[in-house]
Amino acid sequence: MLEGAVARILNQLLGKYVVDLDTENLNVGIFSGRVQLTDLKLKPEALYELNLPIEVIAGTIGKVSIQIPWTTIWESTTNVTIEDVFILANPVINGNIFDEEKDKRLKRALKRKALYDLDSESHFIGGPSSFSEHLISNILNNLQLNISNVHIRYEDIVSCRYPLSCGLCIGNITAETTNR
């Protein structure tokens, strides 16, 4: 039961950014407390929710590792490690050519964000209503996130007079709760 709830949440959280997320792999890994996914491909609409005029042309995540301490879930932190992120982004071009598939992806991303915002508001109003929601809330409140080796490359050959490309490399980003 617990594993299924977490698998559903992981699929919801990662599935909107990653192409062909393997739910079977999630279920097997979650049962042991460890989940490891490798060589994930980012969806073109992965950055749409940021409301930036860019889209992912190519993107990969080398490895996502999640360690869930089932035996001490209420006291311990859940560790999420994301390694080797590469993103190649281009500007979204609003020319005369209409790309129906791109328009559908953008609309889906905006709808997902609106639903997520509504869902977040309902949790603040009523709090978690079931054991699985309480469990997920506890995991998210005690989360330690480590992201390492990030490379973002932006290329623009359309909106500038001269072709432009720039990159951003980030060695390590860590986020963790401060109330423990």
N, C-alpha and C. Protein backbone atom coordinates (compact mmCIF):
# COMPACT_ATOMS: atom_id res chain seq x y z
N MET A 1 0.82 -1.20 0.00
CA MET A 1 0.00 0.00 0.00
C MET A 1 0.86 1.26 0.00
N LEU A 2 1.84 1.34 0.92
CA LEU A 2 2.70 2.51 0.99
C LEU A 2 3.50 2.67 -0.29
N GLU A 3 4.03 1.55 -0.76
CA GLU A 3 4.85 1.60 -1.97
C GLU A 3 4.04 2.07 -3.16
N GLY A 4 2.80 1.60 -3.25
CA GLY A 4 1.94 2.01 -4.36
C GLY A 4 1.63 3.49 -4.34
N ALA A 5 1.40 4.03 -3.13
CA ALA A 5 1.11 5.46 -3.00
C ALA A 5 2.31 6.30 -3.42
N VAL A 6 3.50 5.90 -2.97
CA VAL A 6 4.70 6.66 -3.33
C VAL A 6 5.00 6.50 -4.82
N ALA A 7 4.78 5.32 -5.37
CA ALA A 7 5.00 5.12 -6.81
C ALA A 7 4.10 6.02 -7.63
N ARG A 8 2.84 6.16 -7.19
CA ARG A 8 1.91 7.05 -7.88
C ARG A 8 2.40 8.50 -7.84
N ILE A 9 2.85 8.93 -6.67
CA ILE A 9 3.32 10.31 -6.52
C ILE A 9 4.58 10.53 -7.36
N LEU A 10 5.52 9.58 -7.32
CA LEU A 10 6.74 9.72 -8.12
C LEU A 10 6.41 9.78 -9.61
N ASN A 11 5.47 8.97 -10.03
CA ASN A 11 5.07 8.98 -11.43
C ASN A 11 4.43 10.32 -11.80
N GLN A 12 3.63 10.88 -10.87
CA GLN A 12 3.02 12.18 -11.13
C GLN A 12 4.08 13.28 -11.19
N LEU A 13 5.04 13.24 -10.26
CA LEU A 13 6.05 14.29 -10.20
C LEU A 13 7.06 14.20 -11.33
N LEU A 14 7.58 13.01 -11.59
CA LEU A 14 8.60 12.85 -12.62
C LEU A 14 8.01 12.69 -14.01
N GLY A 15 6.83 12.10 -14.10
CA GLY A 15 6.22 11.79 -15.39
C GLY A 15 5.95 13.00 -16.25
N LYS A 16 5.73 14.15 -15.65
CA LYS A 16 5.46 15.34 -16.46
C LYS A 16 6.74 15.94 -17.05
N TYR A 17 7.90 15.50 -16.58
CA TYR A 17 9.16 16.00 -17.10
C TYR A 17 9.92 14.98 -17.93
N VAL A 18 9.66 13.70 -17.71
CA VAL A 18 10.47 12.63 -18.27
C VAL A 18 9.64 11.80 -19.24
N VAL A 19 10.26 11.42 -20.36
CA VAL A 19 9.62 10.58 -21.37
C VAL A 19 9.66 9.13 -20.92
N ASP A 20 8.54 8.41 -21.06
CA ASP A 20 8.45 6.97 -20.80
C ASP A 20 9.01 6.56 -19.45
N LEU A 21 8.47 7.12 -18.38
CA LEU A 21 8.87 6.72 -17.03
C LEU A 21 8.36 5.32 -16.76
N ASP A 22 9.24 4.43 -16.34
CA ASP A 22 8.90 3.02 -16.13
C ASP A 22 8.34 2.82 -14.72
N THR A 23 7.02 2.72 -14.60
CA THR A 23 6.36 2.56 -13.30
C THR A 23 6.71 1.22 -12.66
N GLU A 24 6.93 0.18 -13.45
CA GLU A 24 7.32 -1.12 -12.90
C GLU A 24 8.64 -0.99 -12.13
N ASN A 25 9.58 -0.26 -12.68
CA ASN A 25 10.86 -0.05 -12.03
C ASN A 25 10.67 0.70 -10.71
N LEU A 26 9.76 1.66 -10.70
CA LEU A 26 9.48 2.40 -9.47
C LEU A 26 8.94 1.49 -8.39
N ASN A 27 7.98 0.64 -8.73
CA ASN A 27 7.38 -0.24 -7.72
C ASN A 27 8.41 -1.19 -7.12
N VAL A 28 9.23 -1.79 -7.94
CA VAL A 28 10.24 -2.72 -7.44
C VAL A 28 11.23 -2.00 -6.54
N GLY A 29 11.69 -0.83 -6.96
CA GLY A 29 12.67 -0.09 -6.18
C GLY A 29 12.11 0.45 -4.88
N ILE A 30 10.89 0.91 -4.89
CA ILE A 30 10.30 1.51 -3.70
C ILE A 30 10.14 0.48 -2.60
N PHE A 31 9.82 -0.75 -2.94
CA PHE A 31 9.63 -1.79 -1.93
C PHE A 31 10.89 -1.96 -1.08
N SER A 32 12.06 -1.83 -1.66
CA SER A 32 13.31 -1.98 -0.92
C SER A 32 13.77 -0.67 -0.27
N GLY A 33 13.09 0.43 -0.52
CA GLY A 33 13.49 1.71 0.04
C GLY A 33 14.42 2.49 -0.87
N ARG A 34 14.84 1.88 -1.96
CA ARG A 34 15.74 2.55 -2.90
C ARG A 34 15.11 2.55 -4.29
N VAL A 35 15.21 3.69 -4.91
CA VAL A 35 14.77 3.81 -6.30
C VAL A 35 15.94 4.40 -7.07
N GLN A 36 16.27 3.81 -8.18
CA GLN A 36 17.32 4.37 -9.02
C GLN A 36 16.87 4.27 -10.47
N LEU A 37 16.81 5.41 -11.11
CA LEU A 37 16.47 5.49 -12.52
C LEU A 37 17.64 6.11 -13.26
N THR A 38 17.97 5.57 -14.42
CA THR A 38 19.11 6.09 -15.17
C THR A 38 18.71 6.44 -16.59
N ASP A 39 19.49 7.34 -17.17
CA ASP A 39 19.34 7.74 -18.57
C ASP A 39 17.91 8.15 -18.92
N LEU A 40 17.40 9.11 -18.19
CA LEU A 40 16.05 9.62 -18.44
C LEU A 40 16.09 10.73 -19.47
N LYS A 41 15.14 10.73 -20.37
CA LYS A 41 15.07 11.74 -21.42
C LYS A 41 13.99 12.76 -21.03
N LEU A 42 14.34 14.04 -21.08
CA LEU A 42 13.39 15.10 -20.73
C LEU A 42 12.42 15.35 -21.88
N LYS A 43 11.19 15.69 -21.51
CA LYS A 43 10.18 16.04 -22.50
C LYS A 43 10.43 17.47 -23.00
N PRO A 44 10.05 17.77 -24.24
CA PRO A 44 10.23 19.13 -24.76
C PRO A 44 9.51 20.18 -23.91
N GLU A 45 8.41 19.81 -23.27
CA GLU A 45 7.64 20.76 -22.47
C GLU A 45 8.07 20.79 -21.01
N ALA A 46 9.22 20.20 -20.68
CA ALA A 46 9.67 20.11 -19.29
C ALA A 46 9.80 21.47 -18.60
N LEU A 47 10.12 22.51 -19.34
CA LEU A 47 10.31 23.84 -18.73
C LEU A 47 9.14 24.78 -18.95
N TYR A 48 8.07 24.33 -19.58
CA TYR A 48 6.93 25.21 -19.87
C TYR A 48 6.31 25.81 -18.61
N GLU A 49 6.28 25.05 -17.52
CA GLU A 49 5.64 25.53 -16.30
C GLU A 49 6.37 26.72 -15.68
N LEU A 50 7.60 26.96 -16.09
CA LEU A 50 8.35 28.11 -15.58
C LEU A 50 7.93 29.41 -16.26
N ASN A 51 7.07 29.30 -17.27
CA ASN A 51 6.60 30.46 -18.04
C ASN A 51 7.76 31.25 -18.65
N LEU A 52 8.76 30.55 -19.11
CA LEU A 52 9.88 31.16 -19.81
C LEU A 52 9.70 30.91 -21.30
N PRO A 53 10.15 31.82 -22.14
CA PRO A 53 9.99 31.63 -23.59
C PRO A 53 11.06 30.69 -24.17
N ILE A 54 11.26 29.54 -23.52
CA ILE A 54 12.24 28.56 -23.99
C ILE A 54 11.61 27.18 -23.99
N GLU A 55 12.18 26.31 -24.82
CA GLU A 55 11.75 24.92 -24.85
C GLU A 55 12.97 24.02 -24.89
N VAL A 56 12.81 22.81 -24.39
CA VAL A 56 13.89 21.84 -24.36
C VAL A 56 13.98 21.18 -25.73
N ILE A 57 15.13 21.31 -26.36
CA ILE A 57 15.38 20.64 -27.64
C ILE A 57 15.90 19.23 -27.36
N ALA A 58 16.81 19.13 -26.41
CA ALA A 58 17.33 17.84 -25.97
C ALA A 58 17.63 17.96 -24.49
N GLY A 59 17.36 16.91 -23.76
CA GLY A 59 17.63 16.95 -22.34
C GLY A 59 17.70 15.56 -21.76
N THR A 60 18.66 15.35 -20.88
CA THR A 60 18.79 14.06 -20.23
C THR A 60 19.11 14.25 -18.75
N ILE A 61 18.72 13.26 -17.97
CA ILE A 61 19.13 13.17 -16.58
C ILE A 61 19.86 11.84 -16.46
N GLY A 62 21.12 11.91 -16.06
CA GLY A 62 21.93 10.70 -15.98
C GLY A 62 21.42 9.70 -14.96
N LYS A 63 21.10 10.22 -13.74
CA LYS A 63 20.66 9.30 -12.69
C LYS A 63 19.80 10.03 -11.67
N VAL A 64 18.72 9.39 -11.26
CA VAL A 64 17.89 9.84 -10.14
C VAL A 64 17.89 8.72 -9.12
N SER A 65 18.37 9.03 -7.91
CA SER A 65 18.38 8.04 -6.83
C SER A 65 17.53 8.57 -5.68
N ILE A 66 16.68 7.72 -5.15
CA ILE A 66 15.83 8.09 -4.03
C ILE A 66 16.00 7.04 -2.94
N GLN A 67 16.29 7.51 -1.73
CA GLN A 67 16.42 6.63 -0.57
C GLN A 67 15.33 6.98 0.43
N ILE A 68 14.37 6.06 0.59
CA ILE A 68 13.25 6.26 1.52
C ILE A 68 13.47 5.35 2.72
N PRO A 69 13.69 5.92 3.91
CA PRO A 69 13.93 5.09 5.11
C PRO A 69 12.62 4.60 5.72
N TRP A 70 12.06 3.51 5.18
CA TRP A 70 10.75 3.04 5.61
C TRP A 70 10.67 2.76 7.11
N THR A 71 11.74 2.24 7.71
CA THR A 71 11.67 1.87 9.13
C THR A 71 11.65 3.08 10.05
N THR A 72 12.18 4.21 9.60
CA THR A 72 12.17 5.44 10.40
C THR A 72 11.60 6.60 9.59
N ILE A 73 10.54 6.32 8.87
CA ILE A 73 9.97 7.29 7.92
C ILE A 73 9.50 8.57 8.59
N TRP A 74 9.04 8.50 9.84
CA TRP A 74 8.48 9.68 10.50
C TRP A 74 9.57 10.56 11.11
N GLU A 75 10.80 10.04 11.28
CA GLU A 75 11.88 10.82 11.88
C GLU A 75 13.01 11.17 10.91
N SER A 76 13.24 10.35 9.92
CA SER A 76 14.41 10.50 9.04
C SER A 76 14.08 11.25 7.76
N THR A 77 15.13 11.71 7.11
CA THR A 77 14.95 12.42 5.85
C THR A 77 14.95 11.42 4.69
N THR A 78 14.22 11.77 3.67
CA THR A 78 14.24 11.04 2.41
C THR A 78 15.23 11.76 1.51
N ASN A 79 16.20 11.04 0.99
CA ASN A 79 17.24 11.64 0.16
C ASN A 79 16.94 11.42 -1.32
N VAL A 80 16.97 12.51 -2.07
CA VAL A 80 16.80 12.45 -3.52
C VAL A 80 18.07 13.03 -4.13
N THR A 81 18.71 12.26 -4.98
CA THR A 81 19.93 12.71 -5.65
C THR A 81 19.70 12.67 -7.16
N ILE A 82 19.95 13.79 -7.80
CA ILE A 82 19.82 13.90 -9.25
C ILE A 82 21.20 14.25 -9.79
N GLU A 83 21.70 13.45 -10.73
CA GLU A 83 23.05 13.65 -11.24
C GLU A 83 23.06 13.77 -12.76
N ASP A 84 24.01 14.51 -13.25
CA ASP A 84 24.30 14.61 -14.69
C ASP A 84 23.09 15.06 -15.51
N VAL A 85 22.69 16.30 -15.28
CA VAL A 85 21.56 16.89 -16.00
C VAL A 85 22.11 17.72 -17.15
N PHE A 86 21.62 17.44 -18.35
CA PHE A 86 22.00 18.23 -19.52
C PHE A 86 20.73 18.71 -20.20
N ILE A 87 20.69 20.02 -20.45
CA ILE A 87 19.53 20.60 -21.14
C ILE A 87 20.03 21.49 -22.26
N LEU A 88 19.53 21.26 -23.46
CA LEU A 88 19.76 22.14 -24.60
C LEU A 88 18.43 22.83 -24.87
N ALA A 89 18.42 24.16 -24.76
CA ALA A 89 17.18 24.92 -24.91
C ALA A 89 17.29 25.93 -26.03
N ASN A 90 16.18 26.17 -26.68
CA ASN A 90 16.04 27.19 -27.72
C ASN A 90 14.88 28.09 -27.36
N PRO A 91 14.83 29.28 -27.95
CA PRO A 91 13.67 30.13 -27.69
C PRO A 91 12.43 29.55 -28.36
N VAL A 92 11.29 29.81 -27.75
CA VAL A 92 10.02 29.45 -28.37
C VAL A 92 9.77 30.50 -29.44
N ILE A 93 9.58 30.05 -30.66
CA ILE A 93 9.42 30.97 -31.78
C ILE A 93 7.94 31.17 -32.06
N ASN A 94 7.49 32.40 -31.97
CA ASN A 94 6.09 32.72 -32.24
C ASN A 94 5.98 33.34 -33.62
N GLY A 95 6.27 32.54 -34.62
CA GLY A 95 6.19 33.03 -35.99
C GLY A 95 4.83 32.75 -36.59
N ASN A 96 4.76 32.82 -37.88
CA ASN A 96 3.51 32.56 -38.58
C ASN A 96 3.19 31.08 -38.69
N ILE A 97 4.20 30.23 -38.47
CA ILE A 97 3.98 28.80 -38.61
C ILE A 97 3.40 28.27 -37.30
N PHE A 98 2.25 27.62 -37.40
CA PHE A 98 1.58 27.08 -36.22
C PHE A 98 1.97 25.62 -36.05
N ASP A 99 2.51 25.29 -34.92
CA ASP A 99 2.88 23.91 -34.61
C ASP A 99 1.82 23.35 -33.66
N GLU A 100 0.92 22.54 -34.20
CA GLU A 100 -0.20 22.03 -33.41
C GLU A 100 0.26 21.17 -32.24
N GLU A 101 1.27 20.33 -32.46
CA GLU A 101 1.76 19.46 -31.39
C GLU A 101 2.38 20.28 -30.26
N LYS A 102 3.16 21.28 -30.61
CA LYS A 102 3.77 22.15 -29.60
C LYS A 102 2.70 22.91 -28.83
N ASP A 103 1.67 23.35 -29.53
CA ASP A 103 0.57 24.06 -28.88
C ASP A 103 -0.16 23.15 -27.89
N LYS A 104 -0.38 21.90 -28.25
CA LYS A 104 -1.02 20.94 -27.35
C LYS A 104 -0.18 20.71 -26.10
N ARG A 105 1.15 20.55 -26.29
CA ARG A 105 2.03 20.34 -25.15
C ARG A 105 2.01 21.53 -24.21
N LEU A 106 2.03 22.73 -24.77
CA LEU A 106 2.00 23.94 -23.96
C LEU A 106 0.69 24.03 -23.17
N LYS A 107 -0.42 23.76 -23.82
CA LYS A 107 -1.72 23.81 -23.13
C LYS A 107 -1.80 22.77 -22.02
N ARG A 108 -1.27 21.55 -22.28
CA ARG A 108 -1.27 20.51 -21.24
C ARG A 108 -0.43 20.95 -20.04
N ALA A 109 0.73 21.54 -20.30
CA ALA A 109 1.60 21.99 -19.21
C ALA A 109 0.93 23.07 -18.39
N LEU A 110 0.26 24.00 -19.05
CA LEU A 110 -0.43 25.07 -18.33
C LEU A 110 -1.61 24.51 -17.52
N LYS A 111 -2.33 23.55 -18.06
CA LYS A 111 -3.43 22.92 -17.31
C LYS A 111 -2.90 22.17 -16.10
N ARG A 112 -1.78 21.44 -16.29
CA ARG A 112 -1.17 20.72 -15.17
C ARG A 112 -0.78 21.67 -14.05
N LYS A 113 -0.19 22.81 -14.43
CA LYS A 113 0.22 23.79 -13.43
C LYS A 113 -0.99 24.34 -12.70
N ALA A 114 -2.06 24.63 -13.41
CA ALA A 114 -3.27 25.15 -12.78
C ALA A 114 -3.86 24.11 -11.82
N LEU A 115 -3.90 22.84 -12.23
CA LEU A 115 -4.40 21.78 -11.35
C LEU A 115 -3.52 21.61 -10.13
N TYR A 116 -2.22 21.68 -10.33
CA TYR A 116 -1.29 21.55 -9.20
C TYR A 116 -1.49 22.70 -8.22
N ASP A 117 -1.66 23.91 -8.73
CA ASP A 117 -1.89 25.06 -7.86
C ASP A 117 -3.18 24.90 -7.08
N LEU A 118 -4.24 24.44 -7.72
CA LEU A 118 -5.51 24.20 -7.03
C LEU A 118 -5.37 23.11 -5.98
N ASP A 119 -4.66 22.04 -6.31
CA ASP A 119 -4.47 20.95 -5.37
C ASP A 119 -3.65 21.41 -4.17
N SER A 120 -2.64 22.23 -4.39
CA SER A 120 -1.82 22.75 -3.30
C SER A 120 -2.66 23.61 -2.37
N GLU A 121 -3.54 24.43 -2.93
CA GLU A 121 -4.40 25.27 -2.11
C GLU A 121 -5.34 24.43 -1.26
N SER A 122 -5.87 23.34 -1.81
CA SER A 122 -6.80 22.51 -1.04
C SER A 122 -6.10 21.82 0.12
N HIS A 123 -4.81 21.47 -0.03
CA HIS A 123 -4.09 20.86 1.08
C HIS A 123 -3.88 21.85 2.21
N PHE A 124 -3.68 23.13 1.88
CA PHE A 124 -3.50 24.13 2.93
C PHE A 124 -4.81 24.36 3.68
N ILE A 125 -5.91 24.26 2.99
CA ILE A 125 -7.20 24.52 3.62
C ILE A 125 -7.60 23.37 4.53
N GLY A 126 -7.59 22.15 4.03
CA GLY A 126 -8.11 21.03 4.80
C GLY A 126 -7.06 20.11 5.37
N GLY A 127 -5.81 20.22 4.96
CA GLY A 127 -4.78 19.32 5.43
C GLY A 127 -4.91 17.96 4.78
N PRO A 128 -3.97 17.05 5.07
CA PRO A 128 -4.03 15.71 4.50
C PRO A 128 -5.26 14.96 5.00
N SER A 129 -5.96 14.30 4.09
CA SER A 129 -7.21 13.66 4.48
C SER A 129 -7.09 12.14 4.60
N SER A 130 -6.01 11.55 4.15
CA SER A 130 -5.86 10.11 4.25
C SER A 130 -4.45 9.78 4.73
N PHE A 131 -4.26 8.53 5.12
CA PHE A 131 -2.95 8.11 5.60
C PHE A 131 -1.88 8.29 4.53
N SER A 132 -2.20 7.91 3.29
CA SER A 132 -1.20 8.04 2.22
C SER A 132 -0.85 9.50 1.96
N GLU A 133 -1.83 10.39 2.03
CA GLU A 133 -1.53 11.81 1.86
C GLU A 133 -0.69 12.33 3.01
N HIS A 134 -0.97 11.86 4.23
CA HIS A 134 -0.17 12.26 5.39
C HIS A 134 1.26 11.75 5.25
N LEU A 135 1.41 10.53 4.76
CA LEU A 135 2.73 9.95 4.54
C LEU A 135 3.51 10.75 3.49
N ILE A 136 2.87 11.05 2.38
CA ILE A 136 3.52 11.83 1.32
C ILE A 136 3.89 13.21 1.83
N SER A 137 3.00 13.82 2.58
CA SER A 137 3.28 15.14 3.16
C SER A 137 4.50 15.07 4.08
N ASN A 138 4.60 14.03 4.89
CA ASN A 138 5.75 13.86 5.78
C ASN A 138 7.04 13.67 4.99
N ILE A 139 6.99 12.86 3.94
CA ILE A 139 8.18 12.64 3.11
C ILE A 139 8.63 13.95 2.48
N LEU A 140 7.69 14.71 1.93
CA LEU A 140 8.05 15.98 1.29
C LEU A 140 8.55 17.01 2.29
N ASN A 141 8.04 16.98 3.52
CA ASN A 141 8.49 17.92 4.54
C ASN A 141 9.85 17.57 5.10
N ASN A 142 10.30 16.34 4.91
CA ASN A 142 11.60 15.89 5.39
C ASN A 142 12.49 15.44 4.24
N LEU A 143 12.49 16.20 3.19
CA LEU A 143 13.20 15.84 1.96
C LEU A 143 14.55 16.53 1.90
N GLN A 144 15.56 15.79 1.51
CA GLN A 144 16.86 16.37 1.22
C GLN A 144 17.13 16.13 -0.26
N LEU A 145 17.35 17.21 -1.00
CA LEU A 145 17.54 17.15 -2.44
C LEU A 145 18.97 17.56 -2.79
N ASN A 146 19.66 16.71 -3.51
CA ASN A 146 21.02 17.00 -3.99
C ASN A 146 21.01 16.89 -5.51
N ILE A 147 21.40 17.96 -6.17
CA ILE A 147 21.49 17.96 -7.63
C ILE A 147 22.94 18.28 -7.97
N SER A 148 23.56 17.44 -8.79
CA SER A 148 24.96 17.68 -9.13
C SER A 148 25.19 17.54 -10.63
N ASN A 149 26.20 18.26 -11.08
CA ASN A 149 26.65 18.22 -12.47
C ASN A 149 25.53 18.60 -13.44
N VAL A 150 25.14 19.86 -13.40
CA VAL A 150 24.08 20.38 -14.26
C VAL A 150 24.72 21.24 -15.36
N HIS A 151 24.33 21.00 -16.59
CA HIS A 151 24.80 21.80 -17.72
C HIS A 151 23.59 22.22 -18.55
N ILE A 152 23.37 23.52 -18.61
CA ILE A 152 22.27 24.06 -19.41
C ILE A 152 22.89 24.89 -20.53
N ARG A 153 22.52 24.57 -21.76
CA ARG A 153 23.03 25.30 -22.93
C ARG A 153 21.84 25.93 -23.63
N TYR A 154 21.97 27.21 -23.93
CA TYR A 154 20.92 27.96 -24.62
C TYR A 154 21.46 28.39 -25.97
N GLU A 155 20.73 28.09 -27.03
CA GLU A 155 21.13 28.46 -28.38
C GLU A 155 20.00 29.24 -29.03
N ASP A 156 20.35 30.36 -29.64
CA ASP A 156 19.36 31.21 -30.30
C ASP A 156 19.93 31.67 -31.63
N ILE A 157 19.37 31.16 -32.71
CA ILE A 157 19.82 31.58 -34.04
C ILE A 157 18.76 32.39 -34.76
N VAL A 158 17.63 32.65 -34.08
CA VAL A 158 16.51 33.30 -34.74
C VAL A 158 16.28 34.72 -34.26
N SER A 159 16.20 34.92 -32.96
CA SER A 159 15.76 36.21 -32.44
C SER A 159 16.88 37.24 -32.31
N CYS A 160 18.11 36.85 -32.52
CA CYS A 160 19.24 37.79 -32.44
C CYS A 160 19.79 38.05 -33.84
N ARG A 161 20.48 39.16 -33.96
CA ARG A 161 21.09 39.49 -35.25
C ARG A 161 22.18 38.47 -35.60
N TYR A 162 22.93 38.08 -34.58
CA TYR A 162 23.98 37.07 -34.76
C TYR A 162 23.62 35.86 -33.90
N PRO A 163 24.01 34.68 -34.35
CA PRO A 163 23.72 33.49 -33.53
C PRO A 163 24.32 33.63 -32.13
N LEU A 164 23.58 33.14 -31.17
CA LEU A 164 23.99 33.25 -29.77
C LEU A 164 23.93 31.87 -29.13
N SER A 165 24.94 31.56 -28.37
CA SER A 165 24.86 30.37 -27.54
C SER A 165 25.61 30.66 -26.25
N CYS A 166 25.06 30.18 -25.17
CA CYS A 166 25.70 30.35 -23.87
C CYS A 166 25.38 29.14 -23.01
N GLY A 167 26.19 28.93 -22.02
CA GLY A 167 25.99 27.77 -21.16
C GLY A 167 26.11 28.13 -19.70
N LEU A 168 25.51 27.30 -18.89
CA LEU A 168 25.57 27.44 -17.45
C LEU A 168 25.89 26.08 -16.87
N CYS A 169 26.97 26.00 -16.11
CA CYS A 169 27.34 24.76 -15.45
C CYS A 169 27.22 24.95 -13.94
N ILE A 170 26.55 24.04 -13.29
CA ILE A 170 26.36 24.09 -11.84
C ILE A 170 26.93 22.80 -11.27
N GLY A 171 27.87 22.93 -10.37
CA GLY A 171 28.50 21.75 -9.78
C GLY A 171 27.60 21.01 -8.81
N ASN A 172 26.95 21.75 -7.89
CA ASN A 172 26.13 21.10 -6.88
C ASN A 172 25.11 22.06 -6.31
N ILE A 173 23.90 21.58 -6.11
CA ILE A 173 22.82 22.31 -5.46
C ILE A 173 22.26 21.38 -4.38
N THR A 174 22.11 21.90 -3.17
CA THR A 174 21.54 21.10 -2.09
C THR A 174 20.41 21.87 -1.44
N ALA A 175 19.30 21.20 -1.22
CA ALA A 175 18.17 21.79 -0.51
C ALA A 175 17.72 20.78 0.55
N GLU A 176 17.52 21.26 1.76
CA GLU A 176 17.07 20.37 2.82
C GLU A 176 16.23 21.14 3.82
N THR A 177 15.45 20.42 4.60
CA THR A 177 14.61 21.07 5.60
C THR A 177 15.48 21.63 6.70
N THR A 178 15.01 22.71 7.31
CA THR A 178 15.80 23.36 8.36
C THR A 178 15.17 23.21 9.73
N ASN A 179 14.03 22.58 9.82
CA ASN A 179 13.34 22.48 11.11
C ASN A 179 13.70 21.21 11.89
N ARG A 180 14.71 20.49 11.47
CA ARG A 180 15.11 19.27 12.18
C ARG A 180 16.52 19.38 12.65
